[in-house]
Amino acid sequence: EIPDLDEKVAKMNELAQRLPKANATLLKYLIAFLIRVIKNFKVNKMTVRNVGIVFSPTLNIPAQVFAMFLQNYEGIFGIDPEEYELPSSTADSESNGQAGAPP
């Protein structure tokens, strides 16, 4: 257990950078999307806690770690979640109707 928040965020950043590119892209996109969901909690009742209840076991990520991703996105991934977009090669595939198609 690392007691210092900044040190935890730095370690999570290191781990995120070690993920295979496809996994890192999916994680960044999913967490950025869930942050958008959380920002509308007054309408949808999906707080950080509620999103964690649904997604933490589904993704097999401990609840505290998952909450760290949601609450410290910019520190972990180095970009504002509002600015994150899918890489152009993925976006191009989707616009051509080829999302998920084998090469």
C-alpha atoms as a PDB file:
ATOM      1  CA  GLU A   1       0.000   0.000   0.000  1.00  0.00           C
ATOM      2  CA  ILE A   2       1.332   3.395  -1.048  1.00  0.00           C
ATOM      3  CA  PRO A   3       0.059   6.139   1.293  1.00  0.00           C
ATOM      4  CA  ASP A   4       0.939   9.178  -0.873  1.00  0.00           C
ATOM      5  CA  LEU A   5      -1.664  10.016  -3.571  1.00  0.00           C
ATOM      6  CA  ASP A   6       0.880  11.539  -5.972  1.00  0.00           C
ATOM      7  CA  GLU A   7       3.046   8.442  -5.698  1.00  0.00           C
ATOM      8  CA  LYS A   8       0.023   6.182  -6.340  1.00  0.00           C
ATOM      9  CA  VAL A   9      -0.890   8.186  -9.434  1.00  0.00           C
ATOM     10  CA  ALA A  10       2.714   8.009 -10.686  1.00  0.00           C
ATOM     11  CA  LYS A  11       2.774   4.211 -10.211  1.00  0.00           C
ATOM     12  CA  MET A  12      -0.548   3.825 -12.008  1.00  0.00           C
ATOM     13  CA  ASN A  13       0.824   5.969 -14.842  1.00  0.00           C
ATOM     14  CA  GLU A  14       3.821   3.610 -15.090  1.00  0.00           C
ATOM     15  CA  LEU A  15       1.549   0.572 -15.192  1.00  0.00           C
ATOM     16  CA  ALA A  16      -0.772   2.128 -17.784  1.00  0.00           C
ATOM     17  CA  GLN A  17       2.217   2.873 -20.023  1.00  0.00           C
ATOM     18  CA  ARG A  18       3.297  -0.777 -19.837  1.00  0.00           C
ATOM     19  CA  LEU A  19      -0.032  -2.039 -21.186  1.00  0.00           C
ATOM     20  CA  PRO A  20      -0.175  -3.220 -24.794  1.00  0.00           C
ATOM     21  CA  LYS A  21      -1.318  -0.349 -27.028  1.00  0.00           C
ATOM     22  CA  ALA A  22      -4.778  -1.797 -27.708  1.00  0.00           C
ATOM     23  CA  ASN A  23      -5.418  -2.375 -24.000  1.00  0.00           C
ATOM     24  CA  ALA A  24      -4.207   1.120 -23.062  1.00  0.00           C
ATOM     25  CA  THR A  25      -6.398   2.684 -25.761  1.00  0.00           C
ATOM     26  CA  LEU A  26      -9.458   0.775 -24.569  1.00  0.00           C
ATOM     27  CA  LEU A  27      -8.802   1.650 -20.920  1.00  0.00           C
ATOM     28  CA  LYS A  28      -8.318   5.365 -21.698  1.00  0.00           C
ATOM     29  CA  TYR A  29     -11.467   5.483 -23.806  1.00  0.00           C
ATOM     30  CA  LEU A  30     -13.622   3.536 -21.347  1.00  0.00           C
ATOM     31  CA  ILE A  31     -12.546   5.580 -18.325  1.00  0.00           C
ATOM     32  CA  ALA A  32     -12.982   8.875 -20.241  1.00  0.00           C
ATOM     33  CA  PHE A  33     -16.492   7.757 -21.240  1.00  0.00           C
ATOM     34  CA  LEU A  34     -17.364   6.765 -17.673  1.00  0.00           C
ATOM     35  CA  ILE A  35     -16.162  10.149 -16.426  1.00  0.00           C
ATOM     36  CA  ARG A  36     -18.686  11.734 -18.810  1.00  0.00           C
ATOM     37  CA  VAL A  37     -21.368   9.467 -17.354  1.00  0.00           C
ATOM     38  CA  ILE A  38     -20.389  10.488 -13.806  1.00  0.00           C
ATOM     39  CA  LYS A  39     -20.556  14.177 -14.704  1.00  0.00           C
ATOM     40  CA  ASN A  40     -24.285  13.652 -15.309  1.00  0.00           C
ATOM     41  CA  PHE A  41     -24.868  11.958 -11.941  1.00  0.00           C
ATOM     42  CA  LYS A  42     -27.748  14.305 -11.053  1.00  0.00           C
ATOM     43  CA  VAL A  43     -29.733  12.872 -13.952  1.00  0.00           C
ATOM     44  CA  ASN A  44     -28.492   9.276 -14.123  1.00  0.00           C
ATOM     45  CA  LYS A  45     -27.559   8.644 -10.440  1.00  0.00           C
ATOM     46  CA  MET A  46     -24.222   7.179 -11.580  1.00  0.00           C
ATOM     47  CA  THR A  47     -21.711   8.477  -9.047  1.00  0.00           C
ATOM     48  CA  VAL A  48     -18.108   7.258  -8.869  1.00  0.00           C
ATOM     49  CA  ARG A  49     -19.283   4.715  -6.303  1.00  0.00           C
ATOM     50  CA  ASN A  50     -22.163   3.440  -8.457  1.00  0.00           C
ATOM     51  CA  VAL A  51     -20.042   3.217 -11.606  1.00  0.00           C
ATOM     52  CA  GLY A  52     -17.474   1.323  -9.536  1.00  0.00           C
ATOM     53  CA  ILE A  53     -20.125  -1.105  -8.272  1.00  0.00           C
ATOM     54  CA  VAL A  54     -21.043  -1.966 -11.869  1.00  0.00           C
ATOM     55  CA  PHE A  55     -17.673  -1.901 -13.634  1.00  0.00           C
ATOM     56  CA  SER A  56     -15.094  -2.864 -11.012  1.00  0.00           C
ATOM     57  CA  PRO A  57     -16.150  -6.541 -10.787  1.00  0.00           C
ATOM     58  CA  THR A  58     -16.942  -6.693 -14.504  1.00  0.00           C
ATOM     59  CA  LEU A  59     -13.414  -5.574 -15.399  1.00  0.00           C
ATOM     60  CA  ASN A  60     -11.865  -7.477 -12.478  1.00  0.00           C
ATOM     61  CA  ILE A  61     -10.239  -4.286 -11.165  1.00  0.00           C
ATOM     62  CA  PRO A  62     -10.307  -3.691  -7.386  1.00  0.00           C
ATOM     63  CA  ALA A  63     -12.804  -0.950  -6.466  1.00  0.00           C
ATOM     64  CA  GLN A  64     -10.159   1.362  -4.979  1.00  0.00           C
ATOM     65  CA  VAL A  65      -7.981   1.069  -8.084  1.00  0.00           C
ATOM     66  CA  PHE A  66     -10.950   1.650 -10.384  1.00  0.00           C
ATOM     67  CA  ALA A  67     -11.949   4.749  -8.396  1.00  0.00           C
ATOM     68  CA  MET A  68      -8.363   6.022  -8.753  1.00  0.00           C
ATOM     69  CA  PHE A  69      -8.664   5.764 -12.553  1.00  0.00           C
ATOM     70  CA  LEU A  70     -11.923   7.730 -12.469  1.00  0.00           C
ATOM     71  CA  GLN A  71     -10.726  10.405 -10.051  1.00  0.00           C
ATOM     72  CA  ASN A  72      -7.156  10.857 -11.341  1.00  0.00           C
ATOM     73  CA  TYR A  73      -7.486  10.333 -15.108  1.00  0.00           C
ATOM     74  CA  GLU A  74      -5.345  13.289 -16.124  1.00  0.00           C
ATOM     75  CA  GLY A  75      -2.518  12.352 -13.765  1.00  0.00           C
ATOM     76  CA  ILE A  76      -2.545   8.704 -14.836  1.00  0.00           C
ATOM     77  CA  PHE A  77      -2.959   9.125 -18.591  1.00  0.00           C
ATOM     78  CA  GLY A  78      -1.462  12.606 -19.024  1.00  0.00           C
ATOM     79  CA  ILE A  79      -4.476  14.020 -20.873  1.00  0.00           C
ATOM     80  CA  ASP A  80      -7.771  15.630 -19.919  1.00  0.00           C
ATOM     81  CA  PRO A  81     -10.586  13.071 -20.385  1.00  0.00           C
ATOM     82  CA  GLU A  82     -12.600  15.685 -22.306  1.00  0.00           C
ATOM     83  CA  GLU A  83      -9.791  15.902 -24.869  1.00  0.00           C
ATOM     84  CA  TYR A  84      -9.257  12.170 -25.368  1.00  0.00           C
ATOM     85  CA  GLU A  85     -10.296  10.838 -28.758  1.00  0.00           C
ATOM     86  CA  LEU A  86      -9.807   7.458 -30.327  1.00  0.00           C
ATOM     87  CA  PRO A  87      -6.653   7.179 -32.432  1.00  0.00           C
ATOM     88  CA  SER A  88      -7.341   8.009 -36.084  1.00  0.00           C
ATOM     89  CA  SER A  89      -6.793   4.446 -37.334  1.00  0.00           C
ATOM     90  CA  THR A  90      -9.566   3.209 -35.022  1.00  0.00           C
ATOM     91  CA  ALA A  91     -11.852   6.114 -35.896  1.00  0.00           C
ATOM     92  CA  ASP A  92     -11.243   5.519 -39.632  1.00  0.00           C
ATOM     93  CA  SER A  93     -12.171   1.839 -39.288  1.00  0.00           C
ATOM     94  CA  GLU A  94     -15.390   2.750 -37.498  1.00  0.00           C
ATOM     95  CA  SER A  95     -16.416   5.291 -40.130  1.00  0.00           C
ATOM     96  CA  ASN A  96     -15.873   2.686 -42.865  1.00  0.00           C
ATOM     97  CA  GLY A  97     -18.098   0.210 -41.033  1.00  0.00           C
ATOM     98  CA  GLN A  98     -15.150  -2.060 -40.322  1.00  0.00           C
ATOM     99  CA  ALA A  99     -14.995  -1.775 -36.536  1.00  0.00           C
ATOM    100  CA  GLY A 100     -13.900  -5.091 -35.114  1.00  0.00           C
ATOM    101  CA  ALA A 101     -13.323  -6.663 -38.527  1.00  0.00           C
ATOM    102  CA  PRO A 102     -10.241  -8.879 -38.778  1.00  0.00           C
ATOM    103  CA  PRO A 103      -7.346  -7.557 -40.905  1.00  0.00           C
END
